[in-house]
Every structure is written in C-alpha cells, then in structure tokens.
Protein backbone atom coordinates (compact mmCIF):
# COMPACT_ATOMS: atom_id res chain seq x y z
CA MET A 1 5.60 -53.73 -158.93
CA PRO A 2 3.01 -54.27 -162.06
CA ILE A 3 1.09 -51.42 -160.17
CA ASP A 4 2.19 -48.19 -158.59
CA ALA A 5 -0.52 -47.21 -156.53
CA ALA A 6 1.38 -43.85 -155.74
CA LYS A 7 1.75 -42.74 -159.81
CA ALA A 8 -1.86 -43.94 -160.72
CA VAL A 9 -3.79 -42.05 -157.74
CA SER A 10 -1.95 -39.06 -158.49
CA ALA A 11 -1.88 -38.85 -162.77
CA GLU A 12 -4.00 -36.42 -164.09
CA PRO A 13 -7.63 -37.35 -164.92
CA ARG A 14 -8.59 -38.20 -168.91
CA THR A 15 -11.45 -36.99 -170.18
CA THR A 16 -13.53 -38.50 -173.13
CA ALA A 17 -16.22 -37.01 -174.94
CA LEU A 18 -19.33 -38.81 -174.91
CA THR A 19 -22.40 -38.68 -177.82
CA TRP A 20 -25.49 -41.06 -177.13
CA GLY A 21 -28.78 -41.03 -178.85
CA HIS A 22 -32.49 -43.11 -178.09
CA LYS A 23 -30.96 -45.66 -180.49
CA ASP A 24 -28.61 -46.40 -177.69
CA ILE A 25 -30.89 -46.46 -174.85
CA LEU A 26 -32.95 -48.84 -176.85
CA LEU A 27 -30.63 -51.65 -177.24
CA TYR A 28 -29.19 -51.09 -173.88
CA HIS A 29 -33.09 -51.45 -172.82
CA LEU A 30 -33.43 -54.40 -175.01
CA GLY A 31 -30.13 -56.03 -173.52
CA ILE A 32 -31.34 -55.95 -170.00
CA GLY A 33 -34.34 -57.79 -171.05
CA ALA A 34 -36.84 -55.41 -171.27
CA GLY A 35 -39.61 -55.29 -173.47
CA VAL A 36 -41.44 -58.65 -172.28
CA PRO A 37 -44.28 -58.15 -173.34
CA ALA A 38 -43.75 -56.34 -176.13
CA THR A 39 -47.08 -54.56 -175.84
CA ASP A 40 -47.11 -53.56 -172.26
CA PRO A 41 -47.49 -50.34 -171.25
CA ASP A 42 -44.98 -50.72 -168.75
CA GLU A 43 -42.53 -51.88 -170.91
CA LEU A 44 -43.10 -49.33 -173.77
CA ARG A 45 -41.28 -46.64 -171.24
CA TYR A 46 -37.89 -48.64 -172.47
CA THR A 47 -38.67 -49.75 -175.45
CA LEU A 48 -40.62 -47.10 -177.98
CA GLU A 49 -38.62 -43.94 -178.51
CA SER A 50 -42.09 -41.87 -178.36
CA ARG A 51 -42.26 -42.70 -174.40
CA LEU A 52 -38.74 -43.34 -173.34
CA HIS A 53 -37.46 -43.06 -169.64
CA VAL A 54 -33.75 -44.23 -169.24
CA LEU A 55 -32.83 -46.44 -166.89
CA PRO A 56 -29.90 -44.98 -164.56
CA SER A 57 -27.44 -48.28 -165.04
CA PHE A 58 -27.53 -47.20 -168.88
CA ALA A 59 -24.20 -44.73 -167.16
CA THR A 60 -22.13 -48.02 -167.34
CA VAL A 61 -22.08 -48.11 -171.20
CA ALA A 62 -22.90 -44.47 -172.18
CA GLY A 63 -21.24 -43.50 -175.37
CA GLY A 64 -20.21 -47.14 -175.51
CA GLY A 65 -17.37 -46.51 -173.14
CA MET A 66 -16.04 -49.78 -170.20
CA ALA A 67 -14.92 -47.88 -167.26
CA LEU A 68 -13.27 -51.35 -166.17
CA ALA A 69 -11.20 -50.45 -169.59
CA GLY A 70 -10.61 -47.51 -168.72
CA GLY A 71 -9.19 -48.52 -164.99
CA LEU A 72 -6.81 -50.84 -166.57
CA THR A 73 -4.91 -48.24 -168.96
CA ALA A 74 -4.47 -45.97 -166.26
CA PRO A 75 -1.01 -44.37 -165.71
CA GLY A 76 0.59 -46.81 -163.42
CA ILE A 77 -1.26 -49.90 -163.91
CA ASP A 78 0.10 -52.60 -165.96
CA VAL A 79 -1.60 -56.14 -165.24
CA ASP A 80 -2.43 -59.54 -165.99
CA LEU A 81 -5.87 -59.39 -167.86
CA ALA A 82 -6.15 -62.93 -166.70
CA ALA A 83 -6.03 -61.99 -163.18
CA VAL A 84 -8.86 -59.34 -163.11
CA LEU A 85 -12.39 -59.50 -162.14
CA HIS A 86 -15.14 -56.55 -161.76
CA GLY A 87 -15.69 -56.21 -158.06
CA GLY A 88 -18.44 -54.04 -158.02
CA GLN A 89 -20.45 -51.26 -159.60
CA THR A 90 -21.58 -47.89 -157.94
CA VAL A 91 -23.81 -45.46 -159.81
CA GLU A 92 -24.93 -41.64 -158.49
CA LEU A 93 -27.39 -39.65 -160.62
CA HIS A 94 -27.06 -35.63 -160.52
CA ARG A 95 -30.35 -35.80 -162.30
CA PRO A 96 -32.59 -37.87 -164.78
CA ILE A 97 -30.17 -38.91 -168.11
CA PRO A 98 -31.45 -37.34 -171.26
CA VAL A 99 -32.51 -39.46 -174.15
CA SER A 100 -29.84 -37.88 -176.35
CA GLY A 101 -26.49 -36.14 -175.12
CA ASP A 102 -23.10 -34.78 -175.76
CA ALA A 103 -20.89 -34.78 -172.36
CA THR A 104 -17.46 -34.84 -171.15
CA GLN A 105 -16.14 -37.90 -168.78
CA THR A 106 -13.86 -37.16 -166.68
CA SER A 107 -11.73 -40.30 -165.27
CA LYS A 108 -8.74 -40.85 -162.91
CA VAL A 109 -7.75 -43.72 -160.50
CA ALA A 110 -9.51 -42.69 -156.81
CA ALA A 111 -7.66 -44.92 -154.90
CA VAL A 112 -5.33 -48.56 -155.11
CA TYR A 113 -6.43 -50.71 -151.92
CA ASP A 114 -3.86 -53.33 -150.37
CA LYS A 115 -6.10 -56.93 -149.96
CA GLY A 116 -3.22 -58.86 -148.88
CA LYS A 117 -3.35 -61.76 -151.77
CA ALA A 118 -5.07 -59.24 -154.46
CA ALA A 119 -5.43 -55.69 -154.98
CA VAL A 120 -8.73 -53.52 -155.53
CA ILE A 121 -8.71 -50.48 -157.93
CA VAL A 122 -11.28 -47.77 -157.82
CA LEU A 123 -11.80 -45.59 -161.15
CA ARG A 124 -13.82 -42.75 -160.54
CA THR A 125 -15.66 -41.15 -163.59
CA ASP A 126 -17.87 -37.79 -163.63
CA VAL A 127 -19.68 -36.86 -166.62
CA ALA A 128 -21.18 -33.49 -166.85
CA ASP A 129 -22.81 -32.03 -169.90
CA ALA A 130 -23.35 -27.87 -170.96
CA ASP A 131 -26.48 -28.29 -168.41
CA GLY A 132 -23.70 -29.25 -165.21
CA PRO A 133 -23.17 -32.94 -163.62
CA LEU A 134 -25.21 -35.53 -164.77
CA TRP A 135 -23.36 -38.63 -163.11
CA THR A 136 -20.90 -40.13 -160.99
CA CYS A 137 -19.29 -43.84 -161.12
CA ASP A 138 -17.27 -45.53 -159.32
CA THR A 139 -15.82 -48.95 -160.82
CA ARG A 140 -13.70 -51.28 -158.53
CA ILE A 141 -11.81 -53.56 -159.73
CA PHE A 142 -10.18 -56.46 -158.43
CA VAL A 143 -6.67 -58.08 -159.41
CA ARG A 144 -5.96 -61.23 -158.19
CA GLY A 145 -2.34 -61.58 -157.12
CA GLU A 146 -1.28 -57.88 -156.84
CA GLY A 147 -1.61 -57.35 -153.18
CA GLY A 148 0.92 -56.96 -150.69
CA PHE A 149 2.35 -53.56 -150.95
CA GLY A 150 1.72 -52.35 -148.07
CA GLY A 151 -1.00 -49.91 -149.04
CA GLU A 152 -4.07 -49.80 -147.25
CA ARG A 153 -6.80 -52.08 -147.04
CA GLY A 154 -9.92 -49.72 -147.61
CA PRO A 155 -13.23 -49.73 -146.52
CA SER A 156 -15.71 -52.86 -145.90
CA GLU A 157 -18.38 -52.27 -148.20
CA ARG A 158 -20.44 -55.37 -146.83
CA VAL A 159 -23.53 -55.01 -146.43
CA GLN A 160 -25.69 -57.68 -144.29
CA ALA A 161 -29.27 -58.46 -145.41
CA PRO A 162 -32.45 -58.08 -143.40
CA ALA A 163 -33.44 -60.84 -140.78
CA ARG A 164 -36.58 -60.82 -141.87
CA GLU A 165 -38.50 -62.08 -145.37
CA PRO A 166 -38.03 -59.09 -147.92
CA ASP A 167 -40.93 -57.01 -149.05
CA ARG A 168 -40.65 -58.32 -152.53
CA THR A 169 -39.64 -61.48 -154.29
CA VAL A 170 -39.36 -61.28 -158.63
CA GLU A 171 -38.05 -63.99 -161.33
CA ARG A 172 -36.56 -62.80 -164.10
CA ALA A 173 -35.85 -65.15 -166.70
CA ILE A 174 -32.55 -64.96 -168.79
CA ARG A 175 -32.85 -65.23 -172.42
CA GLU A 176 -30.25 -67.44 -174.45
CA ASP A 177 -29.27 -64.45 -176.36
CA GLN A 178 -29.17 -62.34 -173.97
CA ALA A 179 -25.31 -61.37 -173.71
CA LEU A 180 -24.75 -61.98 -177.42
CA LEU A 181 -27.23 -58.73 -177.58
CA TYR A 182 -25.72 -57.00 -174.52
CA ARG A 183 -22.86 -57.05 -175.95
CA LEU A 184 -23.78 -54.70 -178.56
CA SER A 185 -23.46 -52.01 -176.38
CA GLY A 186 -19.73 -51.74 -175.86
CA ASP A 187 -18.27 -54.82 -173.79
CA TRP A 188 -17.21 -57.36 -176.39
CA ASN A 189 -15.51 -59.28 -174.12
CA PRO A 190 -15.16 -63.42 -175.80
CA LEU A 191 -16.00 -64.50 -172.43
CA HIS A 192 -19.84 -63.77 -172.68
CA ALA A 193 -20.18 -65.27 -176.45
CA ASP A 194 -17.32 -67.47 -177.18
CA PRO A 195 -17.45 -71.29 -175.96
CA GLU A 196 -14.07 -71.96 -176.30
CA PHE A 197 -12.39 -68.95 -174.31
CA ALA A 198 -14.53 -69.06 -172.11
CA LYS A 199 -13.72 -73.09 -171.11
CA VAL A 200 -10.27 -71.73 -171.33
CA ALA A 201 -11.41 -68.76 -168.12
CA GLY A 202 -12.43 -71.72 -166.45
CA PHE A 203 -16.29 -71.79 -167.51
CA ASN A 204 -18.37 -74.77 -169.42
CA LYS A 205 -20.01 -71.94 -171.24
CA PRO A 206 -20.64 -68.00 -171.72
CA ILE A 207 -21.69 -66.36 -168.57
CA LEU A 208 -23.64 -63.23 -168.56
CA HIS A 209 -21.98 -59.60 -168.00
CA GLY A 210 -22.22 -58.81 -164.61
CA LEU A 211 -23.14 -55.18 -165.73
CA CYS A 212 -26.30 -56.72 -167.84
CA SER A 213 -27.45 -58.46 -164.04
CA TYR A 214 -26.85 -55.12 -162.56
CA GLY A 215 -29.25 -53.51 -165.02
CA MET A 216 -31.54 -56.41 -164.94
CA VAL A 217 -31.67 -55.59 -160.60
CA LEU A 218 -32.14 -52.06 -161.26
CA LYS A 219 -35.26 -52.42 -163.62
CA ALA A 220 -36.46 -54.59 -161.41
CA VAL A 221 -36.54 -52.72 -158.45
CA VAL A 222 -37.96 -49.56 -160.62
CA ASP A 223 -40.50 -51.59 -161.94
CA THR A 224 -41.64 -53.29 -158.43
CA VAL A 225 -41.12 -50.58 -155.55
CA LEU A 226 -40.59 -47.31 -157.45
CA ASP A 227 -43.44 -46.87 -159.32
CA GLY A 228 -41.50 -47.44 -162.67
CA ASP A 229 -40.32 -43.70 -162.09
CA VAL A 230 -36.28 -43.84 -163.04
CA ALA A 231 -35.62 -40.08 -161.84
CA ARG A 232 -36.59 -41.54 -158.43
CA VAL A 233 -33.18 -43.53 -158.41
CA ARG A 234 -30.55 -41.16 -156.61
CA SER A 235 -27.41 -44.11 -156.83
CA TYR A 236 -27.36 -47.63 -157.05
CA ALA A 237 -23.84 -49.56 -155.48
CA THR A 238 -23.74 -53.71 -155.60
CA ARG A 239 -20.86 -55.75 -155.16
CA PHE A 240 -20.71 -58.57 -158.07
CA ALA A 241 -20.42 -62.15 -156.25
CA GLY A 242 -20.81 -64.96 -158.31
CA VAL A 243 -21.88 -65.67 -162.21
CA VAL A 244 -25.26 -66.08 -163.88
CA TYR A 245 -25.86 -67.83 -167.93
CA PRO A 246 -28.04 -67.18 -170.52
CA GLY A 247 -30.85 -69.18 -170.06
CA GLU A 248 -31.01 -69.18 -165.68
CA THR A 249 -33.62 -66.99 -163.73
CA LEU A 250 -32.44 -63.94 -161.51
CA ARG A 251 -34.07 -63.97 -157.99
CA VAL A 252 -34.36 -60.10 -156.43
CA ARG A 253 -35.35 -59.61 -153.07
CA MET A 254 -35.58 -56.41 -152.09
CA TRP A 255 -36.11 -54.82 -148.35
CA ARG A 256 -37.47 -51.23 -148.10
CA ASP A 257 -36.08 -48.77 -145.62
CA ARG A 258 -36.97 -45.13 -145.93
CA ALA A 259 -35.73 -43.60 -148.51
CA ARG A 260 -33.58 -46.92 -149.89
CA VAL A 261 -34.08 -50.49 -150.85
CA GLN A 262 -32.09 -53.13 -150.11
CA VAL A 263 -31.28 -56.23 -152.52
CA THR A 264 -29.98 -59.68 -153.35
CA ALA A 265 -29.42 -61.44 -156.52
CA THR A 266 -29.18 -65.39 -157.15
CA ALA A 267 -29.49 -68.18 -159.33
CA VAL A 268 -32.68 -70.15 -159.26
CA GLU A 269 -31.24 -72.98 -160.98
CA ARG A 270 -28.13 -73.45 -159.26
CA ASP A 271 -29.87 -73.10 -155.31
CA ASP A 272 -29.66 -69.14 -155.16
CA ALA A 273 -26.10 -69.07 -155.82
CA PRO A 274 -25.37 -65.21 -155.33
CA VAL A 275 -24.79 -63.49 -158.27
CA LEU A 276 -25.16 -59.17 -156.74
CA THR A 277 -24.57 -58.87 -153.07
CA ASP A 278 -23.87 -55.76 -150.84
CA THR A 279 -26.42 -53.68 -153.58
CA ILE A 280 -28.51 -50.45 -152.39
CA VAL A 281 -30.46 -48.47 -154.30
CA GLU A 282 -30.89 -45.01 -152.88
CA HIS A 283 -34.11 -43.22 -154.04
CA ALA A 284 -36.64 -40.10 -153.67
C-alpha cells in the first residue's frame, strides 16, 4: 500500500526555518495580479514598500516553501505524482503577517481519509516567530487510486451557495504571463509554464496555479468588502474545483453574512466553469 496512513499520522513533526522580506511580498502580490492600475493608491499598498501590507494568502508561499510538496515527502507517503491534485487550502491567521520575518514552520500529516477511489492527505503546518504563533495552514492533497484501505471517510466540507443574488460580483483579468510570474514565488511545476508538459497532463496549454487564483480571490474580497484591510482576515478556506487559464477572467461572487463572506470563483469565458467553491473568508 503506497500510503501507510498510520505511519504518516504518527510520524514526528518536521521543522523548517522560514525567512522572507519585502521583495518576497512584492513579488507574490505582483504574481496574483496586484498593481493594476499601477498608481492607484489602493494598489500601492501591495506594490510599494513604504506602504506595504501583506495579503494573508502569502502564508502559502512564505519562505519559498510549498506545503503540497511537504505532504508528499512525509513518512508513509509514496504516491504517483501524476495521481495528485491539490484538493483544498485553509489559512488561519493568528495575527497579521509582518513584511519581513524569521519564523519556524512545524509540519505533520494531520489525517489521511479514505474516499473510496481516492485518498485525501491533510497536511497541517504551524508557523511561529519570536513573538508567538503567526498562522496555521491545512493543505488537502487528493490522490486518485489510493482509497479503499478501510480508513475514515472524513468530514464533508461542501458549502452551498445562498439562494439569492450575491452582494458583490467582480471580475479579475488573468494576464497571459501571470503563471510565469507567480511561479517565481516557489511553485516550479512545469504544468504552469511548459505547453508540451501541459499536453501530456491532459491540458491544451499551461494552467494557472490553484494557489494563484486562491490569492487573487482573497485580494478581491479584501478590496471589495473588507475596506482593503488585510488585518481583518481571520481565516480563508477553499476547495479547488477546476482549472483556469492565463488570459481568462475570474468572476468572483460574494455573499456577506455577519463575520464571514461566502465566495465562488468561476471562469467567465467557459460559461462560468467552477474554479473555487466551498470558499469562506472569516473576518473581524
């Protein structure tokens, strides 16, 4: 059995040092589409070091680390990379992310669920600096063909969209070069850059990183309904439901409900094909 669930969950946590600075923040923000228009005061909060704040989704790339890769190298995990999908992502903020930092990341496999024809690996990472906890990430890794081992099925995380019109709808264009820029933050998978590799993987051209669309959608929510204040975000959870291509347009629908915003993201040019679903931003 390529996945030894008991071994994976019982393994000792791994620790990694993380370091980042304002250049890493600026590069990440540009990679998720910030800076348009370039002189807009609201955009300068993402692109000018003297005004800089940090979008919480930066936690997924801080220090150049990719949580997905960490989960696939954990003890008890030995799977075919071609069978792996990034199923979902959650970031919980304990306090605002500083513009520069030295921190320690502690990672472990929190659970392995049996979905029948597939397995879901939940990798949990906690990050703290000298002042205490910063954030916790849960990365859900979907592995086709690795279910059926008799494990727990796990919780259902489906979230139905409200039966009313969204409170806000915005569209965000994806630049043709956006995946090429975003990959400089640490995800070098050729699926997002090499047309020949993309064809082998079953796509007619390179696709955008799921975590890039994840960042784009959070920025849209912060800018549209949270008054541009990144410090108000408490957590951000999503399920990756489909791909989007550079050059397409994301349509982001938002429903406000007290201290949370429910969100969907779809690809405009492909009849609103789902991109992100089951998406919740909890906020102050």
